[in-house]
């Protein structure tokens, strides 16, 4: 199956506030950029939303996926396997259960590894994702983040 490289970033202007995500997907000679903005959300929700949207954009199951993210919230939750314990406890007292459940559904369809990168550093594609996320958050046609409960 295909080897896919994904870069993701999320941003909230204020926290909570308007937010957006940016994604760059790379596979061989192919490149795809995705982004969207939301009226009221948080940075962590946008970081996790970016990963969900990126994995959902893959056309085939069983891909080897490497995700580069500057979100320790997302990367450590998966790499340290915390999210699987949260799932067993039905995400009791955890934030963003809707997005974590969405993530786990698509995550299990692929072979995914996460690599943390320093944000706003020299990683060109991560910086591009940040540009996409901020532009989306500043956009005029913002979506409602229906899972954000304001807590």
N, C-alpha and C. Protein backbone atom coordinates (compact mmCIF):
# COMPACT_ATOMS: atom_id res chain seq x y z
N UNK A 1 0.83 -1.19 0.00
CA UNK A 1 0.00 0.00 0.00
C UNK A 1 0.87 1.25 0.00
N UNK A 2 0.26 2.35 -0.20
CA UNK A 2 0.96 3.63 -0.36
C UNK A 2 1.62 4.09 0.94
N UNK A 3 2.76 4.77 0.77
CA UNK A 3 3.41 5.47 1.87
C UNK A 3 3.01 6.93 1.77
N UNK A 4 2.42 7.43 2.85
CA UNK A 4 1.89 8.79 2.87
C UNK A 4 2.61 9.57 3.96
N UNK A 5 3.00 10.79 3.64
CA UNK A 5 3.54 11.71 4.63
C UNK A 5 2.54 12.83 4.82
N UNK A 6 2.22 13.10 6.07
CA UNK A 6 1.23 14.13 6.39
C UNK A 6 1.83 15.11 7.39
N UNK A 7 1.62 16.39 7.13
CA UNK A 7 1.96 17.45 8.07
C UNK A 7 0.65 18.08 8.49
N UNK A 8 0.51 18.37 9.79
CA UNK A 8 -0.72 18.97 10.28
C UNK A 8 -0.41 20.11 11.25
N UNK A 9 -1.33 21.05 11.32
CA UNK A 9 -1.26 22.10 12.33
C UNK A 9 -2.66 22.65 12.57
N UNK A 10 -2.86 23.12 13.77
CA UNK A 10 -4.10 23.77 14.13
C UNK A 10 -3.80 25.04 14.87
N UNK A 11 -4.73 25.97 14.81
CA UNK A 11 -4.51 27.26 15.44
C UNK A 11 -5.84 27.83 15.90
N UNK A 12 -5.82 28.49 17.06
CA UNK A 12 -6.99 29.24 17.52
C UNK A 12 -6.53 30.65 17.84
N UNK A 13 -7.28 31.61 17.39
CA UNK A 13 -6.98 33.02 17.64
C UNK A 13 -7.71 33.39 18.92
N UNK A 14 -7.00 33.34 20.01
CA UNK A 14 -7.65 33.31 21.32
C UNK A 14 -7.83 31.84 21.62
N UNK A 15 -8.11 31.48 22.79
CA UNK A 15 -8.24 30.05 23.09
C UNK A 15 -9.20 29.90 24.26
N UNK A 16 -10.50 29.88 24.02
CA UNK A 16 -11.15 29.67 22.72
C UNK A 16 -11.27 30.95 21.89
N UNK A 17 -11.54 30.71 20.63
CA UNK A 17 -11.74 31.78 19.68
C UNK A 17 -11.91 31.18 18.30
N UNK A 18 -11.87 32.02 17.28
CA UNK A 18 -11.89 31.47 15.92
C UNK A 18 -10.66 30.59 15.73
N UNK A 19 -10.81 29.53 14.98
CA UNK A 19 -9.68 28.61 14.78
C UNK A 19 -9.69 28.00 13.40
N UNK A 20 -8.61 27.33 13.08
CA UNK A 20 -8.51 26.65 11.80
C UNK A 20 -7.47 25.56 11.85
N UNK A 21 -7.52 24.72 10.83
CA UNK A 21 -6.49 23.69 10.69
C UNK A 21 -5.91 23.77 9.29
N UNK A 22 -4.70 23.25 9.17
CA UNK A 22 -4.03 23.13 7.88
C UNK A 22 -3.38 21.77 7.77
N UNK A 23 -3.44 21.20 6.58
CA UNK A 23 -2.91 19.86 6.33
C UNK A 23 -2.18 19.87 5.00
N UNK A 24 -1.02 19.21 4.96
CA UNK A 24 -0.32 18.93 3.71
C UNK A 24 -0.14 17.42 3.64
N UNK A 25 -0.67 16.81 2.57
CA UNK A 25 -0.52 15.37 2.33
C UNK A 25 0.43 15.19 1.16
N UNK A 26 1.40 14.29 1.32
CA UNK A 26 2.38 14.01 0.28
C UNK A 26 2.45 12.51 0.03
N UNK A 27 2.39 12.13 -1.25
CA UNK A 27 2.53 10.73 -1.63
C UNK A 27 3.15 10.69 -3.02
N UNK A 28 4.40 10.24 -3.07
CA UNK A 28 5.09 10.23 -4.35
C UNK A 28 5.09 11.63 -4.93
N UNK A 29 4.65 11.77 -6.19
CA UNK A 29 4.65 13.10 -6.82
C UNK A 29 3.41 13.95 -6.45
N UNK A 30 2.53 13.39 -5.65
CA UNK A 30 1.26 14.05 -5.36
C UNK A 30 1.32 14.87 -4.08
N UNK A 31 0.63 15.99 -4.12
CA UNK A 31 0.54 16.90 -2.98
C UNK A 31 -0.89 17.42 -2.90
N UNK A 32 -1.42 17.47 -1.68
CA UNK A 32 -2.76 18.01 -1.47
C UNK A 32 -2.74 18.83 -0.19
N UNK A 33 -3.35 20.01 -0.24
CA UNK A 33 -3.46 20.86 0.92
C UNK A 33 -4.93 20.99 1.30
N UNK A 34 -5.21 20.93 2.61
CA UNK A 34 -6.57 21.05 3.12
C UNK A 34 -6.58 22.06 4.26
N UNK A 35 -7.66 22.80 4.38
CA UNK A 35 -7.81 23.69 5.52
C UNK A 35 -9.27 24.07 5.67
N UNK A 36 -9.63 24.48 6.87
CA UNK A 36 -10.97 24.99 7.16
C UNK A 36 -10.90 25.80 8.44
N UNK A 37 -11.83 26.74 8.57
CA UNK A 37 -11.88 27.59 9.75
C UNK A 37 -13.20 27.44 10.49
N UNK A 38 -13.16 27.71 11.79
CA UNK A 38 -14.31 27.55 12.67
C UNK A 38 -14.50 28.80 13.52
N UNK A 39 -15.77 29.13 13.78
CA UNK A 39 -16.09 30.37 14.52
C UNK A 39 -15.59 30.36 15.95
N UNK A 40 -15.77 29.25 16.66
CA UNK A 40 -15.39 29.17 18.07
C UNK A 40 -14.88 27.78 18.37
N UNK A 41 -13.62 27.70 18.81
CA UNK A 41 -13.00 26.41 19.04
C UNK A 41 -11.76 26.63 19.89
N UNK A 42 -10.94 25.58 20.04
CA UNK A 42 -9.68 25.70 20.78
C UNK A 42 -8.53 25.21 19.92
N UNK A 43 -7.33 25.56 20.33
CA UNK A 43 -6.13 25.13 19.63
C UNK A 43 -6.04 23.60 19.60
N UNK A 44 -6.24 22.95 20.75
CA UNK A 44 -6.12 21.49 20.78
C UNK A 44 -7.14 20.82 19.88
N UNK A 45 -8.36 21.38 19.81
CA UNK A 45 -9.36 20.79 18.92
C UNK A 45 -8.92 20.91 17.47
N UNK A 46 -8.33 22.03 17.11
CA UNK A 46 -7.90 22.21 15.73
C UNK A 46 -6.71 21.32 15.40
N UNK A 47 -5.80 21.13 16.35
CA UNK A 47 -4.67 20.21 16.14
C UNK A 47 -5.19 18.80 15.86
N UNK A 48 -6.14 18.35 16.67
CA UNK A 48 -6.69 17.01 16.52
C UNK A 48 -7.58 16.90 15.28
N UNK A 49 -8.34 17.95 15.01
CA UNK A 49 -9.19 17.97 13.81
C UNK A 49 -8.33 17.82 12.55
N UNK A 50 -7.19 18.49 12.53
CA UNK A 50 -6.29 18.40 11.36
C UNK A 50 -5.89 16.96 11.09
N UNK A 51 -5.55 16.23 12.14
CA UNK A 51 -5.15 14.83 11.98
C UNK A 51 -6.32 13.99 11.49
N UNK A 52 -7.49 14.21 12.06
CA UNK A 52 -8.68 13.45 11.63
C UNK A 52 -8.97 13.69 10.15
N UNK A 53 -9.01 14.95 9.75
CA UNK A 53 -9.32 15.30 8.36
C UNK A 53 -8.27 14.71 7.42
N UNK A 54 -7.02 14.78 7.82
CA UNK A 54 -5.93 14.25 6.98
C UNK A 54 -6.10 12.75 6.75
N UNK A 55 -6.33 12.00 7.81
CA UNK A 55 -6.48 10.55 7.67
C UNK A 55 -7.75 10.21 6.90
N UNK A 56 -8.81 10.98 7.09
CA UNK A 56 -10.06 10.74 6.35
C UNK A 56 -9.92 11.03 4.86
N UNK A 57 -8.94 11.83 4.50
CA UNK A 57 -8.73 12.18 3.09
C UNK A 57 -8.04 11.06 2.30
N UNK A 58 -7.49 10.07 3.00
CA UNK A 58 -6.80 8.98 2.31
C UNK A 58 -7.81 8.11 1.58
N UNK A 59 -7.50 7.75 0.35
CA UNK A 59 -8.45 7.04 -0.50
C UNK A 59 -8.53 5.54 -0.21
N UNK A 60 -7.46 4.97 0.34
CA UNK A 60 -7.41 3.52 0.54
C UNK A 60 -7.06 3.20 1.99
N UNK A 61 -7.59 2.11 2.48
CA UNK A 61 -7.21 1.62 3.80
C UNK A 61 -5.84 0.95 3.73
N UNK A 62 -5.20 0.80 4.87
CA UNK A 62 -3.95 0.06 4.95
C UNK A 62 -2.71 0.84 4.54
N UNK A 63 -2.80 2.16 4.53
CA UNK A 63 -1.64 2.97 4.15
C UNK A 63 -0.63 3.03 5.28
N UNK A 64 0.64 3.15 4.90
CA UNK A 64 1.70 3.45 5.86
C UNK A 64 1.77 4.97 5.93
N UNK A 65 1.46 5.51 7.10
CA UNK A 65 1.33 6.95 7.25
C UNK A 65 2.29 7.46 8.31
N UNK A 66 3.01 8.51 7.96
CA UNK A 66 3.83 9.22 8.94
C UNK A 66 3.25 10.61 9.07
N UNK A 67 2.86 10.96 10.30
CA UNK A 67 2.27 12.27 10.56
C UNK A 67 3.25 13.10 11.37
N UNK A 68 3.55 14.28 10.84
CA UNK A 68 4.40 15.24 11.53
C UNK A 68 3.49 16.32 12.11
N UNK A 69 3.59 16.52 13.41
CA UNK A 69 2.74 17.50 14.08
C UNK A 69 3.54 18.22 15.16
N UNK A 70 3.22 19.49 15.37
CA UNK A 70 3.87 20.22 16.46
C UNK A 70 3.01 20.20 17.72
N UNK A 71 1.98 19.36 17.74
CA UNK A 71 1.09 19.25 18.89
C UNK A 71 1.51 18.11 19.81
N UNK A 72 2.09 18.46 20.94
CA UNK A 72 2.43 17.42 21.92
C UNK A 72 1.15 16.77 22.45
N UNK A 73 0.07 17.54 22.50
CA UNK A 73 -1.23 17.02 22.94
C UNK A 73 -1.61 15.79 22.12
N UNK A 74 -1.50 15.89 20.81
CA UNK A 74 -1.89 14.79 19.93
C UNK A 74 -0.80 13.71 19.89
N UNK A 75 0.43 14.12 19.62
CA UNK A 75 1.52 13.17 19.42
C UNK A 75 1.74 12.32 20.66
N UNK A 76 1.81 12.94 21.82
CA UNK A 76 2.07 12.16 23.03
C UNK A 76 0.88 11.30 23.43
N UNK A 77 -0.35 11.78 23.18
CA UNK A 77 -1.52 10.97 23.50
C UNK A 77 -1.50 9.64 22.75
N UNK A 78 -0.99 9.66 21.52
CA UNK A 78 -0.92 8.43 20.73
C UNK A 78 0.37 7.66 21.04
N UNK A 79 1.50 8.33 20.96
CA UNK A 79 2.78 7.64 21.15
C UNK A 79 2.94 7.07 22.56
N UNK A 80 2.39 7.74 23.56
CA UNK A 80 2.44 7.23 24.93
C UNK A 80 1.27 6.29 25.23
N UNK A 81 0.39 6.14 24.23
CA UNK A 81 -0.75 5.22 24.28
C UNK A 81 -1.82 5.64 25.29
N UNK A 82 -1.80 6.90 25.72
CA UNK A 82 -2.80 7.39 26.67
C UNK A 82 -4.20 7.31 26.10
N UNK A 83 -4.34 7.62 24.82
CA UNK A 83 -5.67 7.69 24.21
C UNK A 83 -6.39 6.34 24.29
N UNK A 84 -5.65 5.24 24.30
CA UNK A 84 -6.29 3.92 24.36
C UNK A 84 -6.84 3.65 25.76
N UNK A 85 -6.16 4.14 26.78
CA UNK A 85 -6.69 4.07 28.14
C UNK A 85 -7.91 4.97 28.31
N UNK A 86 -7.85 6.16 27.71
CA UNK A 86 -9.00 7.07 27.76
C UNK A 86 -10.21 6.41 27.11
N UNK A 87 -9.95 5.72 25.99
CA UNK A 87 -11.04 5.06 25.28
C UNK A 87 -11.67 3.98 26.16
N UNK A 88 -10.85 3.20 26.85
CA UNK A 88 -11.38 2.14 27.72
C UNK A 88 -12.26 2.72 28.82
N UNK A 89 -11.95 3.95 29.24
CA UNK A 89 -12.73 4.62 30.28
C UNK A 89 -13.81 5.53 29.68
N UNK A 90 -14.07 5.33 28.38
CA UNK A 90 -15.08 6.10 27.64
C UNK A 90 -14.83 7.61 27.72
N UNK A 91 -13.55 7.98 27.75
CA UNK A 91 -13.12 9.38 27.74
C UNK A 91 -13.68 10.18 28.91
N UNK A 92 -13.94 9.48 30.01
CA UNK A 92 -14.47 10.15 31.22
C UNK A 92 -13.51 11.25 31.65
N UNK A 93 -14.05 12.44 31.82
CA UNK A 93 -13.30 13.62 32.27
C UNK A 93 -12.20 14.06 31.30
N UNK A 94 -12.27 13.64 30.04
CA UNK A 94 -11.30 14.06 29.03
C UNK A 94 -11.96 15.05 28.08
N UNK A 95 -11.17 15.98 27.60
CA UNK A 95 -11.67 16.95 26.63
C UNK A 95 -11.64 16.35 25.23
N UNK A 96 -12.52 16.82 24.39
CA UNK A 96 -12.58 16.47 22.96
C UNK A 96 -12.88 15.00 22.68
N UNK A 97 -13.77 14.37 23.45
CA UNK A 97 -14.03 12.95 23.18
C UNK A 97 -14.57 12.69 21.78
N UNK A 98 -15.35 13.65 21.24
CA UNK A 98 -15.89 13.47 19.89
C UNK A 98 -14.77 13.33 18.86
N UNK A 99 -13.75 14.17 18.98
CA UNK A 99 -12.64 14.10 18.03
C UNK A 99 -11.74 12.91 18.28
N UNK A 100 -11.53 12.54 19.54
CA UNK A 100 -10.70 11.35 19.81
C UNK A 100 -11.37 10.09 19.27
N UNK A 101 -12.69 9.99 19.41
CA UNK A 101 -13.39 8.82 18.85
C UNK A 101 -13.31 8.82 17.33
N UNK A 102 -13.48 9.99 16.75
CA UNK A 102 -13.35 10.13 15.28
C UNK A 102 -11.95 9.73 14.85
N UNK A 103 -10.94 10.19 15.57
CA UNK A 103 -9.56 9.84 15.27
C UNK A 103 -9.34 8.33 15.33
N UNK A 104 -9.78 7.70 16.41
CA UNK A 104 -9.51 6.27 16.57
C UNK A 104 -10.16 5.44 15.48
N UNK A 105 -11.36 5.84 15.03
CA UNK A 105 -12.02 5.10 13.94
C UNK A 105 -11.16 5.08 12.68
N UNK A 106 -10.59 6.21 12.31
CA UNK A 106 -9.81 6.28 11.07
C UNK A 106 -8.37 5.81 11.29
N UNK A 107 -7.83 6.05 12.45
CA UNK A 107 -6.47 5.63 12.80
C UNK A 107 -6.31 4.12 12.63
N UNK A 108 -7.31 3.38 13.03
CA UNK A 108 -7.24 1.91 13.01
C UNK A 108 -7.30 1.34 11.60
N UNK A 109 -7.58 2.16 10.62
CA UNK A 109 -7.64 1.69 9.23
C UNK A 109 -6.28 1.77 8.53
N UNK A 110 -5.28 2.30 9.22
CA UNK A 110 -3.95 2.50 8.62
C UNK A 110 -2.86 2.11 9.62
N UNK A 111 -1.63 2.13 9.14
CA UNK A 111 -0.46 1.97 10.00
C UNK A 111 0.15 3.36 10.15
N UNK A 112 -0.08 3.95 11.31
CA UNK A 112 0.24 5.36 11.52
C UNK A 112 1.33 5.50 12.57
N UNK A 113 2.30 6.36 12.26
CA UNK A 113 3.27 6.75 13.28
C UNK A 113 3.32 8.26 13.33
N UNK A 114 3.53 8.76 14.52
CA UNK A 114 3.57 10.20 14.75
C UNK A 114 4.99 10.64 15.07
N UNK A 115 5.36 11.78 14.53
CA UNK A 115 6.64 12.41 14.84
C UNK A 115 6.36 13.86 15.22
N UNK A 116 6.84 14.24 16.40
CA UNK A 116 6.67 15.61 16.86
C UNK A 116 7.74 16.48 16.22
N UNK A 117 7.34 17.66 15.75
CA UNK A 117 8.27 18.65 15.22
C UNK A 117 8.05 19.96 15.98
N UNK A 118 9.09 20.72 16.12
CA UNK A 118 8.99 22.02 16.79
C UNK A 118 8.21 22.98 15.89
N UNK A 119 7.19 23.60 16.45
CA UNK A 119 6.39 24.55 15.70
C UNK A 119 7.14 25.83 15.40
N UNK A 120 6.80 26.46 14.30
CA UNK A 120 7.39 27.75 13.90
C UNK A 120 8.92 27.67 13.80
N UNK A 121 9.41 26.52 13.37
CA UNK A 121 10.86 26.32 13.24
C UNK A 121 11.22 26.18 11.77
N UNK A 122 12.08 25.25 11.45
CA UNK A 122 12.59 25.14 10.09
C UNK A 122 11.88 24.08 9.24
N UNK A 123 10.83 23.47 9.77
CA UNK A 123 10.11 22.45 9.02
C UNK A 123 9.17 23.15 8.03
N UNK A 124 9.57 23.17 6.77
CA UNK A 124 8.86 23.93 5.74
C UNK A 124 7.39 23.56 5.67
N UNK A 125 7.09 22.29 5.62
CA UNK A 125 5.69 21.87 5.45
C UNK A 125 4.87 22.15 6.70
N UNK A 126 5.47 22.05 7.88
CA UNK A 126 4.74 22.40 9.10
C UNK A 126 4.42 23.90 9.10
N UNK A 127 5.35 24.71 8.65
CA UNK A 127 5.10 26.14 8.55
C UNK A 127 3.99 26.43 7.54
N UNK A 128 3.96 25.68 6.45
CA UNK A 128 2.87 25.84 5.47
C UNK A 128 1.52 25.51 6.11
N UNK A 129 1.49 24.45 6.92
CA UNK A 129 0.25 24.08 7.61
C UNK A 129 -0.20 25.19 8.54
N UNK A 130 0.75 25.81 9.22
CA UNK A 130 0.43 26.93 10.11
C UNK A 130 -0.17 28.08 9.31
N UNK A 131 0.42 28.39 8.16
CA UNK A 131 -0.12 29.45 7.30
C UNK A 131 -1.56 29.13 6.90
N UNK A 132 -1.80 27.88 6.50
CA UNK A 132 -3.15 27.47 6.10
C UNK A 132 -4.13 27.58 7.26
N UNK A 133 -3.71 27.15 8.45
CA UNK A 133 -4.57 27.17 9.63
C UNK A 133 -4.94 28.60 10.03
N UNK A 134 -3.94 29.47 10.06
CA UNK A 134 -4.19 30.87 10.46
C UNK A 134 -5.06 31.57 9.43
N UNK A 135 -4.79 31.34 8.15
CA UNK A 135 -5.62 31.94 7.10
C UNK A 135 -7.07 31.45 7.21
N UNK A 136 -7.25 30.16 7.49
CA UNK A 136 -8.60 29.62 7.63
C UNK A 136 -9.31 30.24 8.84
N UNK A 137 -8.59 30.39 9.94
CA UNK A 137 -9.17 30.98 11.15
C UNK A 137 -9.57 32.43 10.93
N UNK A 138 -8.84 33.11 10.07
CA UNK A 138 -9.12 34.52 9.75
C UNK A 138 -10.12 34.68 8.61
N UNK A 139 -10.61 33.58 8.09
CA UNK A 139 -11.52 33.62 6.94
C UNK A 139 -12.89 34.18 7.29
N UNK A 140 -13.70 34.36 6.27
CA UNK A 140 -15.03 34.93 6.46
C UNK A 140 -16.13 33.86 6.52
N UNK A 141 -15.90 32.73 5.91
CA UNK A 141 -16.90 31.65 5.90
C UNK A 141 -16.51 30.57 6.90
N UNK A 142 -16.65 30.88 8.18
CA UNK A 142 -16.24 29.95 9.23
C UNK A 142 -17.36 28.98 9.56
N UNK A 143 -16.99 27.73 9.80
CA UNK A 143 -17.94 26.70 10.18
C UNK A 143 -18.19 26.75 11.69
N UNK A 144 -19.25 26.07 12.10
CA UNK A 144 -19.48 25.88 13.52
C UNK A 144 -18.78 24.59 13.94
N UNK A 145 -18.01 24.63 15.01
CA UNK A 145 -17.38 23.43 15.57
C UNK A 145 -18.43 22.81 16.50
N UNK A 146 -19.24 21.93 15.93
CA UNK A 146 -20.39 21.39 16.66
C UNK A 146 -19.99 20.57 17.88
N UNK A 147 -18.77 20.09 17.92
CA UNK A 147 -18.33 19.32 19.08
C UNK A 147 -17.78 20.15 20.20
N UNK A 148 -17.53 21.43 19.97
CA UNK A 148 -16.97 22.28 21.00
C UNK A 148 -18.07 22.66 21.98
N UNK A 149 -17.85 22.36 23.25
CA UNK A 149 -18.90 22.61 24.24
C UNK A 149 -18.63 23.83 25.10
N UNK A 150 -17.55 24.54 24.82
CA UNK A 150 -17.28 25.78 25.53
C UNK A 150 -16.76 25.61 26.94
N UNK A 151 -16.45 24.38 27.33
CA UNK A 151 -15.95 24.15 28.69
C UNK A 151 -14.44 24.13 28.69
